[in-house]
């Protein structure tokens, strides 16, 4: 589902136009943004506990025998 979100300030201008435009597309829904008040996220800090890790598989433990290239004839 795709949502076409119309801001409250543009409701009178855009809502009916967008509903008409997308009326034949069942995968699109036109909705109005009805949120009010301040963004409660402002002023907060998020995360900070993130740890960067190497996702690659660790090397096999132990030592490996020396390898030498074969002598050329």
C-alpha atoms as a PDB file:
ATOM      1  CA  UNK A   1       0.000   0.000   0.000  1.00  0.00           C
ATOM      2  CA  UNK A   2       1.237   3.476  -0.867  1.00  0.00           C
ATOM      3  CA  UNK A   3      -0.008   6.441   1.166  1.00  0.00           C
ATOM      4  CA  UNK A   4      -0.229   9.897  -0.372  1.00  0.00           C
ATOM      5  CA  UNK A   5      -0.151  12.150   2.702  1.00  0.00           C
ATOM      6  CA  UNK A   6      -1.609  15.626   2.289  1.00  0.00           C
ATOM      7  CA  UNK A   7      -0.501  18.266   4.833  1.00  0.00           C
ATOM      8  CA  UNK A   8      -3.307  20.010   6.690  1.00  0.00           C
ATOM      9  CA  UNK A   9      -2.310  23.380   5.203  1.00  0.00           C
ATOM     10  CA  UNK A  10      -2.881  22.068   1.646  1.00  0.00           C
ATOM     11  CA  UNK A  11      -6.052  20.075   2.300  1.00  0.00           C
ATOM     12  CA  UNK A  12      -8.404  22.487   0.511  1.00  0.00           C
ATOM     13  CA  UNK A  13      -6.107  22.755  -2.479  1.00  0.00           C
ATOM     14  CA  UNK A  14      -4.897  19.169  -2.985  1.00  0.00           C
ATOM     15  CA  UNK A  15      -7.045  16.541  -1.288  1.00  0.00           C
ATOM     16  CA  UNK A  16      -9.856  16.276  -3.859  1.00  0.00           C
ATOM     17  CA  UNK A  17      -7.388  16.497  -6.769  1.00  0.00           C
ATOM     18  CA  UNK A  18      -5.275  13.643  -5.418  1.00  0.00           C
ATOM     19  CA  UNK A  19      -8.302  11.448  -4.627  1.00  0.00           C
ATOM     20  CA  UNK A  20      -9.491  11.921  -8.209  1.00  0.00           C
ATOM     21  CA  UNK A  21      -6.009  11.285  -9.604  1.00  0.00           C
ATOM     22  CA  UNK A  22      -5.533   7.996  -7.717  1.00  0.00           C
ATOM     23  CA  UNK A  23      -9.133   6.730  -7.823  1.00  0.00           C
ATOM     24  CA  UNK A  24      -8.281   3.936 -10.306  1.00  0.00           C
ATOM     25  CA  UNK A  25      -5.184   2.746  -8.437  1.00  0.00           C
ATOM     26  CA  UNK A  26      -6.145   0.365  -5.606  1.00  0.00           C
ATOM     27  CA  UNK A  27      -2.576   0.434  -4.240  1.00  0.00           C
ATOM     28  CA  UNK A  28      -2.672   4.152  -3.350  1.00  0.00           C
ATOM     29  CA  UNK A  29      -4.579   5.653  -0.454  1.00  0.00           C
ATOM     30  CA  UNK A  30      -4.828   9.429  -0.040  1.00  0.00           C
ATOM     31  CA  UNK A  31      -4.845  10.524   3.605  1.00  0.00           C
ATOM     32  CA  UNK A  32      -4.702  13.803   5.535  1.00  0.00           C
ATOM     33  CA  UNK A  33      -2.002  14.550   8.071  1.00  0.00           C
ATOM     34  CA  UNK A  34      -3.986  15.278  11.227  1.00  0.00           C
ATOM     35  CA  UNK A  35      -1.145  15.438  13.749  1.00  0.00           C
ATOM     36  CA  UNK A  36      -1.235  18.340  16.188  1.00  0.00           C
ATOM     37  CA  UNK A  37       1.156  19.879  18.675  1.00  0.00           C
ATOM     38  CA  UNK A  38       4.892  19.836  18.917  1.00  0.00           C
ATOM     39  CA  UNK A  39       7.092  17.032  17.746  1.00  0.00           C
ATOM     40  CA  UNK A  40       7.708  15.167  20.983  1.00  0.00           C
ATOM     41  CA  UNK A  41      10.999  13.836  19.688  1.00  0.00           C
ATOM     42  CA  UNK A  42      12.662  17.258  19.618  1.00  0.00           C
ATOM     43  CA  UNK A  43      15.232  17.870  22.307  1.00  0.00           C
ATOM     44  CA  UNK A  44      15.844  14.208  23.013  1.00  0.00           C
ATOM     45  CA  UNK A  45      18.895  12.247  22.205  1.00  0.00           C
ATOM     46  CA  UNK A  46      18.537   8.822  20.715  1.00  0.00           C
ATOM     47  CA  UNK A  47      20.895   5.938  20.374  1.00  0.00           C
ATOM     48  CA  UNK A  48      24.385   6.498  21.615  1.00  0.00           C
ATOM     49  CA  UNK A  49      24.734   2.862  22.550  1.00  0.00           C
ATOM     50  CA  UNK A  50      25.453   1.716  19.037  1.00  0.00           C
ATOM     51  CA  UNK A  51      28.485  -0.463  18.726  1.00  0.00           C
ATOM     52  CA  UNK A  52      30.174  -0.854  15.381  1.00  0.00           C
ATOM     53  CA  UNK A  53      30.949  -4.484  14.795  1.00  0.00           C
ATOM     54  CA  UNK A  54      32.636  -6.425  12.073  1.00  0.00           C
ATOM     55  CA  UNK A  55      30.026  -8.801  10.696  1.00  0.00           C
ATOM     56  CA  UNK A  56      32.494 -10.925   8.838  1.00  0.00           C
ATOM     57  CA  UNK A  57      33.157 -14.403  10.130  1.00  0.00           C
ATOM     58  CA  UNK A  58      36.138 -14.582  12.462  1.00  0.00           C
ATOM     59  CA  UNK A  59      39.312 -16.222  11.185  1.00  0.00           C
ATOM     60  CA  UNK A  60      39.811 -19.835  12.165  1.00  0.00           C
ATOM     61  CA  UNK A  61      41.966 -20.096  15.297  1.00  0.00           C
ATOM     62  CA  UNK A  62      45.441 -21.557  15.119  1.00  0.00           C
ATOM     63  CA  UNK A  63      48.361 -21.273  12.751  1.00  0.00           C
ATOM     64  CA  UNK A  64      48.617 -22.300   9.145  1.00  0.00           C
ATOM     65  CA  UNK A  65      51.524 -24.141   7.513  1.00  0.00           C
ATOM     66  CA  UNK A  66      53.814 -22.176   5.233  1.00  0.00           C
ATOM     67  CA  UNK A  67      53.145 -22.652   1.545  1.00  0.00           C
ATOM     68  CA  UNK A  68      55.670 -22.188  -1.189  1.00  0.00           C
ATOM     69  CA  UNK A  69      55.131 -21.888  -4.904  1.00  0.00           C
ATOM     70  CA  UNK A  70      56.306 -24.904  -6.925  1.00  0.00           C
ATOM     71  CA  UNK A  71      59.645 -24.550  -8.661  1.00  0.00           C
ATOM     72  CA  UNK A  72      59.501 -23.751 -12.337  1.00  0.00           C
ATOM     73  CA  UNK A  73      61.173 -26.283 -14.667  1.00  0.00           C
END
